Amino acid sequence: MNRFLQLALLGNFDGPPAAVQSVDVAALVLLGLLLFVFLISVVFIWMVSYHARRQRWLAELRPAERPWEEARFRPAFLEPPDRWLAVQTTNPHAVRTALRLHNAAPCSWENGVQEARESRLFISPPVDGWVLVLGARLPDPAEDVDACFRFLCAMSRKLGHVQFFSASRVLGHHAWARLEAGRVLRAYAWAGQTLWHQGPKTAAEVSLGLRCADYGEGAGGNYLEHEAGAWNAERVPLLAARWSLDPTMLDERFTRSDFGIAGDSAAEL
């Protein structure tokens, strides 16, 4: 008879010998290692799957929605403006009249964009059914959102479909708006907190992952809120490309031909 069984029958068996106990410990260690390898494998498979999905998403984006890639032609003077309008029209002179420009004169894209960075406004020639207005004198929602609202409503009553975009990549402040015949269809503005939130979120905003806080949210100025602001600000040109035009992605067909209009804005727009 087995010696261990004999000892057990005689009542002198106190447990398995040390060799058996060491085997049990080794089995537990091996089981732990297998579990660890399994978890690592799951994480690795998830990362590979995420990367593959992201690559498919990037491949589906139109060129205008990939600002990190070089366009076929991107003039150095067409850096992202702080603010601009997109008016659905082919008549720049109607835009000039609505803006009440003084000392207006024909102007090339390059000179017009340069003057728009200073104190003048530049009205572009028509581009695919849109006229752009660039200039630091356009109202800044971060300074006075009510003035911006009144200006856009007045412009839309005069010109019809008007869009507005604003983005500060340093501060993270941003805004966008669509108006038709003086009525706000959609608007959102953020400058440390939500200043303007009107109308339902559009499909383009949802697909771009734009984050729109309700009134009273995002007023703490913490790091995460600033990151959310920077995220939106970087994507304002992408939203413009979906709604109308991204001014930084125009090619030489538009910027090397035709003149726009540059002029001094009215005292109050």
Protein backbone atom coordinates (compact mmCIF):
# COMPACT_ATOMS: atom_id res chain seq x y z
CA MET A 1 0.00 0.00 0.00
CA ASN A 2 1.14 3.52 -0.74
CA ARG A 3 3.01 4.98 2.22
CA PHE A 4 0.99 8.24 2.16
CA LEU A 5 -2.26 6.23 2.31
CA GLN A 6 -0.91 4.15 5.20
CA LEU A 7 -0.01 7.27 7.14
CA ALA A 8 -3.44 8.72 6.47
CA LEU A 9 -5.14 5.59 7.77
CA LEU A 10 -2.99 5.61 10.88
CA GLY A 11 -3.84 9.29 11.52
CA ASN A 12 -0.26 10.43 11.19
CA PHE A 13 -0.64 12.30 7.87
CA ASP A 14 -0.30 16.10 8.28
CA GLY A 15 -0.56 17.05 4.59
CA PRO A 16 1.33 16.60 1.36
CA PRO A 17 5.07 16.78 1.49
CA ALA A 18 6.93 20.03 0.69
CA ALA A 19 7.62 18.82 -2.85
CA VAL A 20 3.88 18.62 -3.58
CA GLN A 21 3.27 22.08 -2.08
CA SER A 22 6.00 23.56 -4.29
CA VAL A 23 4.31 22.01 -7.33
CA ASP A 24 1.03 23.76 -6.38
CA VAL A 25 2.79 27.14 -6.04
CA ALA A 26 4.48 26.65 -9.40
CA ALA A 27 1.09 25.90 -10.97
CA LEU A 28 -0.40 29.09 -9.55
CA VAL A 29 2.56 31.13 -10.83
CA LEU A 30 2.19 29.56 -14.28
CA LEU A 31 -1.54 30.30 -14.26
CA GLY A 32 -0.82 33.93 -13.35
CA LEU A 33 1.68 34.22 -16.19
CA LEU A 34 -0.82 32.78 -18.64
CA LEU A 35 -3.46 35.27 -17.48
CA PHE A 36 -0.99 38.14 -17.84
CA VAL A 37 -0.06 37.05 -21.37
CA PHE A 38 -3.77 36.79 -22.22
CA LEU A 39 -4.46 40.35 -21.02
CA ILE A 40 -1.46 41.68 -22.94
CA SER A 41 -2.73 39.90 -26.07
CA VAL A 42 -6.19 41.46 -25.66
CA VAL A 43 -4.71 44.96 -25.32
CA PHE A 44 -2.46 44.39 -28.34
CA ILE A 45 -5.36 43.17 -30.49
CA TRP A 46 -7.46 46.21 -29.43
CA MET A 47 -4.64 48.61 -30.34
CA VAL A 48 -4.17 46.98 -33.75
CA SER A 49 -7.93 47.12 -34.37
CA TYR A 50 -8.10 50.79 -33.30
CA HIS A 51 -5.21 51.72 -35.56
CA ALA A 52 -6.83 49.92 -38.51
CA ARG A 53 -10.16 51.72 -37.93
CA ARG A 54 -8.40 55.08 -37.66
CA GLN A 55 -6.50 54.47 -40.90
CA ARG A 56 -9.75 53.60 -42.68
CA TRP A 57 -11.35 56.80 -41.30
CA LEU A 58 -8.42 58.93 -42.47
CA ALA A 59 -8.52 57.32 -45.90
CA GLU A 60 -12.21 58.21 -46.25
CA LEU A 61 -11.67 61.92 -45.55
CA ARG A 62 -11.68 64.27 -48.50
CA PRO A 63 -8.38 66.11 -49.14
CA ALA A 64 -9.89 69.34 -47.81
CA GLU A 65 -10.46 67.59 -44.48
CA ARG A 66 -6.81 66.52 -44.09
CA PRO A 67 -4.99 69.74 -43.12
CA TRP A 68 -1.89 67.77 -42.06
CA GLU A 69 -1.33 66.76 -45.69
CA GLU A 70 0.12 69.14 -48.24
CA ALA A 71 -2.41 70.40 -50.74
CA ARG A 72 -1.48 70.43 -54.43
CA PHE A 73 -1.01 74.16 -54.09
CA ARG A 74 -1.16 76.15 -50.87
CA PRO A 75 -0.02 79.76 -51.07
CA ALA A 76 2.02 80.85 -48.07
CA PHE A 77 -0.22 83.91 -47.61
CA LEU A 78 -3.32 81.76 -47.09
CA GLU A 79 -2.67 80.95 -43.45
CA PRO A 80 -5.76 80.21 -41.35
CA PRO A 81 -7.52 83.53 -40.66
CA ASP A 82 -8.87 84.30 -37.21
CA ARG A 83 -12.35 85.08 -38.53
CA TRP A 84 -14.13 84.98 -41.87
CA LEU A 85 -17.52 85.04 -43.54
CA ALA A 86 -18.78 82.82 -46.34
CA VAL A 87 -21.66 84.36 -48.30
CA GLN A 88 -23.59 82.24 -50.79
CA THR A 89 -23.47 84.61 -53.76
CA THR A 90 -21.54 85.33 -56.93
CA ASN A 91 -21.77 89.12 -56.49
CA PRO A 92 -18.87 90.55 -54.43
CA HIS A 93 -20.22 94.08 -54.98
CA ALA A 94 -23.43 93.19 -53.13
CA VAL A 95 -21.26 92.06 -50.22
CA ARG A 96 -19.31 95.31 -50.42
CA THR A 97 -22.54 97.31 -50.22
CA ALA A 98 -23.80 95.27 -47.26
CA LEU A 99 -20.51 95.84 -45.42
CA ARG A 100 -20.49 99.58 -46.29
CA LEU A 101 -16.83 99.50 -47.25
CA HIS A 102 -15.00 102.82 -47.67
CA ASN A 103 -12.04 103.43 -50.00
CA ALA A 104 -12.79 100.15 -51.77
CA ALA A 105 -10.50 99.10 -54.60
CA PRO A 106 -9.70 95.98 -56.64
CA CYS A 107 -7.11 93.85 -54.89
CA SER A 108 -5.26 90.59 -55.52
CA TRP A 109 -5.65 87.66 -53.15
CA GLU A 110 -2.14 88.07 -51.78
CA ASN A 111 -2.45 91.80 -51.08
CA GLY A 112 -6.02 91.46 -49.88
CA VAL A 113 -5.20 88.76 -47.33
CA GLN A 114 -2.27 90.82 -46.08
CA GLU A 115 -4.45 93.90 -45.63
CA ALA A 116 -7.13 91.80 -43.94
CA ARG A 117 -4.62 90.93 -41.23
CA GLU A 118 -4.24 94.62 -40.46
CA SER A 119 -7.23 96.95 -40.44
CA ARG A 120 -9.07 96.34 -43.71
CA LEU A 121 -11.51 93.79 -45.03
CA PHE A 122 -10.95 91.68 -48.13
CA ILE A 123 -13.87 90.43 -50.20
CA SER A 124 -12.85 87.56 -52.44
CA PRO A 125 -13.96 86.98 -56.02
CA PRO A 126 -16.61 84.24 -56.32
CA VAL A 127 -15.35 80.71 -55.58
CA ASP A 128 -17.72 77.86 -56.40
CA GLY A 129 -20.76 80.00 -55.65
CA TRP A 130 -19.35 81.57 -52.48
CA VAL A 131 -17.75 84.91 -51.63
CA LEU A 132 -15.41 85.01 -48.64
CA VAL A 133 -14.83 88.02 -46.39
CA LEU A 134 -11.58 88.03 -44.40
CA GLY A 135 -10.46 90.56 -41.83
CA ALA A 136 -9.57 91.17 -38.22
CA ARG A 137 -12.26 93.88 -38.12
CA LEU A 138 -15.02 91.29 -38.28
CA PRO A 139 -16.78 91.06 -34.88
CA ASP A 140 -15.15 88.76 -32.34
CA PRO A 141 -17.72 86.78 -30.29
CA ALA A 142 -15.20 86.48 -27.45
CA GLU A 143 -15.26 90.27 -27.06
CA ASP A 144 -18.97 90.94 -27.63
CA VAL A 145 -21.17 88.05 -28.68
CA ASP A 146 -24.27 90.29 -28.86
CA ALA A 147 -22.55 92.59 -31.36
CA CYS A 148 -21.54 89.55 -33.41
CA PHE A 149 -25.13 88.28 -33.35
CA ARG A 150 -26.54 91.64 -34.52
CA PHE A 151 -23.93 91.93 -37.28
CA LEU A 152 -24.58 88.46 -38.67
CA CYS A 153 -28.35 88.89 -38.58
CA ALA A 154 -28.06 92.20 -40.44
CA MET A 155 -25.74 90.69 -43.06
CA SER A 156 -28.05 87.72 -43.55
CA ARG A 157 -31.11 89.93 -43.98
CA LYS A 158 -29.25 91.75 -46.77
CA LEU A 159 -27.47 88.82 -48.41
CA GLY A 160 -29.41 85.65 -47.61
CA HIS A 161 -27.31 82.65 -46.62
CA VAL A 162 -24.33 83.73 -44.51
CA GLN A 163 -21.85 81.65 -42.53
CA PHE A 164 -19.36 82.83 -39.90
CA PHE A 165 -16.25 81.12 -38.56
CA SER A 166 -13.79 82.11 -35.84
CA ALA A 167 -10.86 80.23 -34.31
CA SER A 168 -8.02 81.21 -32.00
CA ARG A 169 -5.53 78.36 -31.90
CA VAL A 170 -3.65 79.98 -29.01
CA LEU A 171 -6.58 80.60 -26.67
CA GLY A 172 -8.82 77.84 -28.01
CA HIS A 173 -11.69 80.30 -28.54
CA HIS A 174 -13.93 79.34 -31.44
CA ALA A 175 -17.30 80.02 -33.07
CA TRP A 176 -19.37 79.10 -36.08
CA ALA A 177 -22.80 80.14 -37.32
CA ARG A 178 -25.20 79.65 -40.23
CA LEU A 179 -27.95 82.12 -40.97
CA GLU A 180 -30.63 82.37 -43.64
CA ALA A 181 -32.65 85.53 -44.34
CA GLY A 182 -31.74 86.97 -40.94
CA ARG A 183 -32.65 83.81 -39.03
CA VAL A 184 -30.07 81.79 -37.09
CA LEU A 185 -30.09 78.14 -38.19
CA ARG A 186 -27.15 77.06 -36.07
CA ALA A 187 -24.60 78.91 -33.95
CA TYR A 188 -22.04 78.05 -31.30
CA ALA A 189 -19.40 80.23 -29.64
CA TRP A 190 -16.98 79.37 -26.83
CA ALA A 191 -14.41 81.54 -25.04
CA GLY A 192 -13.64 79.87 -21.74
CA GLN A 193 -17.35 79.14 -21.47
CA THR A 194 -20.26 78.77 -23.87
CA LEU A 195 -21.34 82.21 -25.09
CA TRP A 196 -23.81 81.23 -27.82
CA HIS A 197 -25.57 77.92 -28.38
CA GLN A 198 -28.51 78.06 -30.78
CA GLY A 199 -30.10 75.57 -33.11
CA PRO A 200 -29.62 71.80 -33.44
CA LYS A 201 -26.14 70.38 -33.92
CA THR A 202 -25.50 69.64 -37.59
CA ALA A 203 -24.37 66.31 -39.06
CA ALA A 204 -21.02 67.88 -39.99
CA GLU A 205 -20.37 68.89 -36.38
CA VAL A 206 -21.24 65.42 -35.15
CA SER A 207 -19.04 63.65 -37.72
CA LEU A 208 -16.08 65.91 -36.87
CA GLY A 209 -16.48 65.23 -33.15
CA LEU A 210 -16.95 68.89 -32.22
CA ARG A 211 -17.73 69.33 -28.52
CA CYS A 212 -20.45 71.84 -27.71
CA ALA A 213 -21.04 72.50 -24.01
CA ASP A 214 -24.34 73.86 -22.73
CA TYR A 215 -24.63 77.26 -21.11
CA GLY A 216 -22.96 77.28 -17.73
CA GLU A 217 -20.65 74.39 -18.57
CA GLY A 218 -16.94 74.75 -19.20
CA ALA A 219 -16.54 77.91 -17.15
CA GLY A 220 -13.86 76.57 -14.84
CA GLY A 221 -10.92 77.21 -17.14
CA ASN A 222 -9.24 73.92 -16.30
CA TYR A 223 -6.86 71.97 -18.50
CA LEU A 224 -9.47 69.60 -19.94
CA GLU A 225 -11.74 72.48 -20.92
CA HIS A 226 -8.85 74.24 -22.65
CA GLU A 227 -8.02 71.02 -24.50
CA ALA A 228 -11.62 70.74 -25.67
CA GLY A 229 -11.46 74.34 -26.90
CA ALA A 230 -8.23 73.68 -28.78
CA TRP A 231 -9.75 70.52 -30.30
CA ASN A 232 -12.69 72.52 -31.69
CA ALA A 233 -10.55 75.44 -32.84
CA GLU A 234 -8.34 73.14 -34.91
CA ARG A 235 -11.40 71.71 -36.63
CA VAL A 236 -13.17 74.95 -37.53
CA PRO A 237 -11.61 74.96 -41.06
CA LEU A 238 -12.81 71.35 -41.51
CA LEU A 239 -16.33 72.42 -40.60
CA ALA A 240 -16.06 75.31 -43.07
CA ALA A 241 -15.04 72.83 -45.78
CA ARG A 242 -18.18 70.79 -45.05
CA TRP A 243 -20.53 73.78 -44.93
CA SER A 244 -19.01 75.97 -47.66
CA LEU A 245 -15.28 76.69 -48.18
CA ASP A 246 -12.06 76.38 -46.22
CA PRO A 247 -10.10 79.49 -47.30
CA THR A 248 -6.74 77.85 -46.61
CA MET A 249 -7.33 75.05 -49.10
CA LEU A 250 -7.95 77.07 -52.26
CA ASP A 251 -5.67 76.36 -55.21
CA GLU A 252 -4.15 78.51 -57.95
CA ARG A 253 -7.30 78.39 -60.06
CA PHE A 254 -8.80 80.91 -57.66
CA THR A 255 -5.88 82.71 -56.03
CA ARG A 256 -3.81 83.42 -59.16
CA SER A 257 -6.64 84.91 -61.15
CA ASP A 258 -9.44 87.38 -60.57
CA PHE A 259 -9.30 90.31 -58.18
CA GLY A 260 -11.27 90.79 -55.05
CA ILE A 261 -12.13 94.02 -53.21
CA ALA A 262 -10.28 95.52 -50.26
CA GLY A 263 -11.59 98.41 -48.24
CA ASP A 264 -12.00 100.06 -44.86
CA SER A 265 -14.85 98.77 -42.76
CA ALA A 266 -17.51 100.98 -41.26
CA ALA A 267 -16.90 102.26 -37.74
CA GLU A 268 -19.30 99.63 -36.42
CA LEU A 269 -20.10 96.54 -38.46
